[in-house]
Amino acid sequence: MGRHTDRTDLGVEFGAPIEFDGRADPRQAEACTDRIMRGIAAMLPERYRGAYGPGSEGQTVVARQEPTE
């Protein structure tokens, strides 16, 4: 079998872009994570949305935990 050396760039996009203002702020990690997950859930059938389904708007689903020593 010959060796194939040509490569093709591949890009995959799905859903509308999710944009955030400014730089990453660890204090906003929960809200950013929930926003991303709700965007992904919105593309799924309702029965697969789990914690990000209807009625979860305005709630923090992923709570940041402080490291324990």
N, C-alpha and C. Protein backbone atom coordinates (compact mmCIF):
# COMPACT_ATOMS: atom_id res chain seq x y z
N MET A 1 0.84 -1.16 0.00
CA MET A 1 0.00 0.00 0.00
C MET A 1 0.90 1.23 0.00
N GLY A 2 0.62 2.17 -0.90
CA GLY A 2 1.43 3.39 -0.98
C GLY A 2 1.15 4.33 0.17
N ARG A 3 2.10 5.19 0.38
CA ARG A 3 1.97 6.17 1.45
C ARG A 3 1.37 7.44 0.88
N HIS A 4 0.30 7.91 1.48
CA HIS A 4 -0.38 9.12 1.01
C HIS A 4 0.13 10.31 1.81
N THR A 5 0.72 11.29 1.13
CA THR A 5 1.32 12.42 1.85
C THR A 5 0.53 13.71 1.73
N ASP A 6 -0.44 13.76 0.82
CA ASP A 6 -1.24 14.98 0.71
C ASP A 6 -2.21 15.07 1.88
N ARG A 7 -2.30 16.26 2.43
CA ARG A 7 -3.22 16.45 3.55
C ARG A 7 -4.23 17.52 3.17
N THR A 8 -5.42 17.37 3.67
CA THR A 8 -6.48 18.32 3.42
C THR A 8 -6.91 18.93 4.74
N ASP A 9 -7.06 20.25 4.75
CA ASP A 9 -7.58 20.91 5.95
C ASP A 9 -9.05 20.55 6.10
N LEU A 10 -9.47 20.36 7.33
CA LEU A 10 -10.84 20.01 7.61
C LEU A 10 -11.35 20.91 8.72
N GLY A 11 -12.48 21.50 8.50
CA GLY A 11 -13.12 22.31 9.54
C GLY A 11 -14.53 21.81 9.75
N VAL A 12 -14.96 21.82 11.00
CA VAL A 12 -16.31 21.38 11.33
C VAL A 12 -16.98 22.48 12.12
N GLU A 13 -18.16 22.87 11.68
CA GLU A 13 -18.93 23.89 12.40
C GLU A 13 -20.34 23.38 12.59
N PHE A 14 -20.92 23.69 13.73
CA PHE A 14 -22.31 23.36 13.96
C PHE A 14 -22.89 24.39 14.91
N GLY A 15 -24.11 24.78 14.64
CA GLY A 15 -24.78 25.76 15.49
C GLY A 15 -24.24 27.16 15.29
N ALA A 16 -24.89 28.09 15.91
CA ALA A 16 -24.48 29.50 15.85
C ALA A 16 -23.26 29.71 16.75
N PRO A 17 -22.37 30.60 16.35
CA PRO A 17 -21.21 30.89 17.21
C PRO A 17 -21.65 31.45 18.56
N ILE A 18 -20.92 31.10 19.59
CA ILE A 18 -21.17 31.64 20.93
C ILE A 18 -20.01 32.55 21.24
N GLU A 19 -20.30 33.81 21.43
CA GLU A 19 -19.24 34.79 21.67
C GLU A 19 -19.32 35.31 23.10
N PHE A 20 -18.16 35.64 23.63
CA PHE A 20 -18.05 36.17 24.98
C PHE A 20 -17.31 37.50 24.91
N ASP A 21 -17.67 38.42 25.77
CA ASP A 21 -17.02 39.72 25.82
C ASP A 21 -15.76 39.65 26.68
N GLY A 22 -14.72 40.30 26.23
CA GLY A 22 -13.51 40.44 27.02
C GLY A 22 -12.72 39.16 27.19
N ARG A 23 -11.86 39.17 28.16
CA ARG A 23 -10.99 38.03 28.45
C ARG A 23 -11.68 37.06 29.37
N ALA A 24 -11.15 35.86 29.42
CA ALA A 24 -11.70 34.84 30.31
C ALA A 24 -11.55 35.28 31.76
N ASP A 25 -12.60 35.16 32.50
CA ASP A 25 -12.60 35.53 33.91
C ASP A 25 -13.04 34.31 34.72
N PRO A 26 -12.15 33.78 35.55
CA PRO A 26 -12.50 32.57 36.30
C PRO A 26 -13.78 32.72 37.12
N ARG A 27 -14.10 33.95 37.54
CA ARG A 27 -15.32 34.16 38.32
C ARG A 27 -16.57 33.96 37.48
N GLN A 28 -16.43 33.99 36.17
CA GLN A 28 -17.58 33.80 35.29
C GLN A 28 -17.58 32.42 34.64
N ALA A 29 -16.73 31.54 35.10
CA ALA A 29 -16.60 30.21 34.49
C ALA A 29 -17.92 29.44 34.50
N GLU A 30 -18.66 29.51 35.62
CA GLU A 30 -19.92 28.79 35.71
C GLU A 30 -20.91 29.28 34.65
N ALA A 31 -21.07 30.59 34.57
CA ALA A 31 -22.03 31.17 33.63
C ALA A 31 -21.62 30.87 32.19
N CYS A 32 -20.33 30.95 31.89
CA CYS A 32 -19.85 30.67 30.53
C CYS A 32 -20.07 29.20 30.18
N THR A 33 -19.78 28.31 31.11
CA THR A 33 -19.98 26.88 30.87
C THR A 33 -21.46 26.59 30.61
N ASP A 34 -22.32 27.15 31.44
CA ASP A 34 -23.76 26.93 31.26
C ASP A 34 -24.24 27.50 29.93
N ARG A 35 -23.71 28.62 29.53
CA ARG A 35 -24.11 29.23 28.25
C ARG A 35 -23.72 28.32 27.07
N ILE A 36 -22.51 27.79 27.13
CA ILE A 36 -22.04 26.87 26.07
C ILE A 36 -22.91 25.61 26.06
N MET A 37 -23.14 25.03 27.23
CA MET A 37 -23.91 23.80 27.31
C MET A 37 -25.36 24.00 26.87
N ARG A 38 -25.95 25.15 27.19
CA ARG A 38 -27.31 25.42 26.73
C ARG A 38 -27.35 25.56 25.21
N GLY A 39 -26.30 26.13 24.63
CA GLY A 39 -26.22 26.24 23.18
C GLY A 39 -26.16 24.87 22.52
N ILE A 40 -25.39 23.97 23.11
CA ILE A 40 -25.30 22.61 22.59
C ILE A 40 -26.63 21.88 22.79
N ALA A 41 -27.22 22.02 23.98
CA ALA A 41 -28.49 21.36 24.27
C ALA A 41 -29.60 21.82 23.34
N ALA A 42 -29.57 23.08 22.94
CA ALA A 42 -30.61 23.62 22.06
C ALA A 42 -30.62 22.92 20.70
N MET A 43 -29.51 22.32 20.32
CA MET A 43 -29.44 21.62 19.04
C MET A 43 -29.90 20.17 19.15
N LEU A 44 -30.14 19.70 20.37
CA LEU A 44 -30.55 18.31 20.59
C LEU A 44 -32.07 18.21 20.73
N PRO A 45 -32.60 17.03 20.46
CA PRO A 45 -34.01 16.81 20.78
C PRO A 45 -34.22 17.03 22.28
N GLU A 46 -35.37 17.54 22.66
CA GLU A 46 -35.63 17.90 24.05
C GLU A 46 -35.34 16.76 25.03
N ARG A 47 -35.63 15.54 24.65
CA ARG A 47 -35.44 14.42 25.59
C ARG A 47 -33.97 14.15 25.92
N TYR A 48 -33.05 14.70 25.14
CA TYR A 48 -31.62 14.50 25.39
C TYR A 48 -30.95 15.69 26.09
N ARG A 49 -31.69 16.69 26.46
CA ARG A 49 -31.10 17.92 27.02
C ARG A 49 -30.75 17.80 28.50
N GLY A 50 -31.31 16.87 29.19
CA GLY A 50 -30.98 16.64 30.60
C GLY A 50 -31.10 17.89 31.45
N ALA A 51 -30.06 18.20 32.21
CA ALA A 51 -30.06 19.34 33.13
C ALA A 51 -30.18 20.67 32.41
N TYR A 52 -29.94 20.69 31.11
CA TYR A 52 -30.01 21.92 30.34
C TYR A 52 -31.31 22.03 29.55
N GLY A 53 -32.30 21.24 29.94
CA GLY A 53 -33.59 21.25 29.27
C GLY A 53 -34.47 22.41 29.70
N PRO A 54 -35.71 22.39 29.25
CA PRO A 54 -36.66 23.46 29.58
C PRO A 54 -36.76 23.68 31.08
N GLY A 55 -36.83 24.92 31.47
CA GLY A 55 -36.95 25.27 32.88
C GLY A 55 -35.61 25.46 33.59
N SER A 56 -34.50 25.23 32.90
CA SER A 56 -33.20 25.39 33.54
C SER A 56 -32.62 26.79 33.33
N GLU A 57 -33.29 27.61 32.51
CA GLU A 57 -32.78 28.95 32.24
C GLU A 57 -32.68 29.75 33.54
N GLY A 58 -31.60 30.49 33.68
CA GLY A 58 -31.40 31.31 34.87
C GLY A 58 -30.84 30.55 36.05
N GLN A 59 -30.65 29.26 35.92
CA GLN A 59 -30.08 28.46 37.00
C GLN A 59 -28.65 28.08 36.64
N THR A 60 -27.80 28.01 37.65
CA THR A 60 -26.44 27.53 37.42
C THR A 60 -26.47 26.01 37.53
N VAL A 61 -26.13 25.35 36.45
CA VAL A 61 -26.15 23.89 36.44
C VAL A 61 -24.80 23.34 36.88
N VAL A 62 -23.73 23.96 36.41
CA VAL A 62 -22.38 23.53 36.77
C VAL A 62 -21.85 24.51 37.81
N ALA A 63 -21.66 24.05 39.03
CA ALA A 63 -21.16 24.91 40.09
C ALA A 63 -19.67 24.67 40.28
N ARG A 64 -18.94 25.75 40.25
CA ARG A 64 -17.48 25.68 40.43
C ARG A 64 -17.17 25.28 41.86
N GLN A 65 -16.27 24.36 42.00
CA GLN A 65 -15.87 23.91 43.33
C GLN A 65 -14.47 24.41 43.62
N GLU A 66 -14.31 24.92 44.81
CA GLU A 66 -12.98 25.35 45.24
C GLU A 66 -12.16 24.13 45.60
N PRO A 67 -10.86 24.14 45.24
CA PRO A 67 -10.02 22.98 45.57
C PRO A 67 -9.94 22.76 47.08
N THR A 68 -9.93 21.51 47.46
CA THR A 68 -9.76 21.17 48.88
C THR A 68 -8.36 20.62 49.07
N GLU A 69 -7.83 20.86 50.23
CA GLU A 69 -6.46 20.38 50.51
C GLU A 69 -6.46 19.20 51.40
